[in-house]
Amino acid sequence: MQAPSGGLLGIEALLAEALEALSRDQAEEALIPALQAVEAAPGQVRPLHILGLALMRCGELQESLASLEQAAALDPASPDIH
């Protein structure tokens, strides 16, 4: 495993922070760690999926759709995205 600053642990920590904010219905608070996770792991499904959820809950439907479509294109078989 890599160091939290930018490796796998760092990405997982960012995603956990975003999901925690979403669970408290604080979607705007989830955006920053979700965006940071996408930037740290471009092309990874999970960060794109969580960012899409946060954007949707913030009412940013076009951006949400774009993020979710990217995630779905990377993993078309994922039941979480469809």
Protein backbone atom coordinates (compact mmCIF):
# COMPACT_ATOMS: atom_id res chain seq x y z
CA MET A 1 0.00 0.00 0.00
CA GLN A 2 1.09 3.53 -0.67
CA ALA A 3 1.23 6.59 1.54
CA PRO A 4 -2.00 8.51 2.20
CA SER A 5 -0.68 11.66 0.51
CA GLY A 6 -1.49 10.50 -2.99
CA GLY A 7 -1.57 6.75 -3.20
CA LEU A 8 -4.32 4.22 -2.79
CA LEU A 9 -4.84 5.02 0.88
CA GLY A 10 -5.13 8.73 0.09
CA ILE A 11 -7.76 8.07 -2.56
CA GLU A 12 -9.72 5.76 -0.27
CA ALA A 13 -9.59 8.38 2.50
CA LEU A 14 -10.93 11.02 0.11
CA LEU A 15 -13.72 8.71 -1.04
CA ALA A 16 -14.59 7.83 2.56
CA GLU A 17 -14.78 11.54 3.38
CA ALA A 18 -17.06 12.17 0.39
CA LEU A 19 -19.32 9.23 1.26
CA GLU A 20 -19.52 10.35 4.89
CA ALA A 21 -20.63 13.82 3.78
CA LEU A 22 -23.21 12.28 1.44
CA SER A 23 -24.54 10.11 4.27
CA ARG A 24 -25.12 13.30 6.28
CA ASP A 25 -26.94 14.89 3.30
CA GLN A 26 -24.12 17.39 2.87
CA ALA A 27 -23.53 16.95 -0.83
CA GLU A 28 -21.63 20.21 -1.31
CA GLU A 29 -19.18 19.10 1.37
CA ALA A 30 -18.67 15.85 -0.57
CA LEU A 31 -17.66 17.59 -3.77
CA ILE A 32 -14.12 18.61 -2.80
CA PRO A 33 -12.87 15.19 -1.68
CA ALA A 34 -14.68 13.53 -4.59
CA LEU A 35 -13.04 15.89 -7.08
CA GLN A 36 -9.66 15.38 -5.43
CA ALA A 37 -10.09 11.60 -5.72
CA VAL A 38 -10.93 11.88 -9.43
CA GLU A 39 -7.88 14.08 -9.97
CA ALA A 40 -5.67 11.64 -8.05
CA ALA A 41 -7.04 8.58 -9.86
CA PRO A 42 -8.14 9.60 -13.35
CA GLY A 43 -9.88 6.81 -15.16
CA GLN A 44 -10.94 5.00 -11.99
CA VAL A 45 -14.61 4.04 -11.75
CA ARG A 46 -15.29 4.53 -8.05
CA PRO A 47 -14.15 8.18 -7.79
CA LEU A 48 -16.15 9.08 -10.91
CA HIS A 49 -19.21 7.29 -9.52
CA ILE A 50 -19.04 9.05 -6.14
CA LEU A 51 -18.44 12.41 -7.82
CA GLY A 52 -21.48 11.80 -10.00
CA LEU A 53 -23.61 11.07 -6.95
CA ALA A 54 -22.41 14.21 -5.16
CA LEU A 55 -23.05 16.35 -8.23
CA MET A 56 -26.54 14.86 -8.61
CA ARG A 57 -27.41 15.67 -5.01
CA CYS A 58 -26.15 19.23 -5.55
CA GLY A 59 -28.52 19.58 -8.50
CA GLU A 60 -25.71 19.67 -11.07
CA LEU A 61 -27.43 17.18 -13.33
CA GLN A 62 -25.44 17.70 -16.54
CA GLU A 63 -22.11 17.36 -14.73
CA SER A 64 -23.44 14.40 -12.77
CA LEU A 65 -24.53 12.64 -15.92
CA ALA A 66 -21.13 13.22 -17.54
CA SER A 67 -19.31 11.74 -14.54
CA LEU A 68 -21.64 8.76 -14.30
CA GLU A 69 -21.41 8.12 -18.04
CA GLN A 70 -17.60 8.10 -17.78
CA ALA A 71 -17.80 5.60 -14.93
CA ALA A 72 -20.27 3.43 -16.84
CA ALA A 73 -18.06 3.45 -19.93
CA LEU A 74 -15.12 2.23 -17.82
CA ASP A 75 -17.17 -0.53 -16.17
CA PRO A 76 -20.30 -1.27 -18.20
CA ALA A 77 -21.16 -4.32 -16.09
CA SER A 78 -21.29 -2.42 -12.77
CA PRO A 79 -24.78 -2.60 -11.25
CA ASP A 80 -23.96 0.37 -8.98
CA ILE A 81 -23.70 2.78 -11.90
CA HIS A 82 -26.75 1.75 -13.88
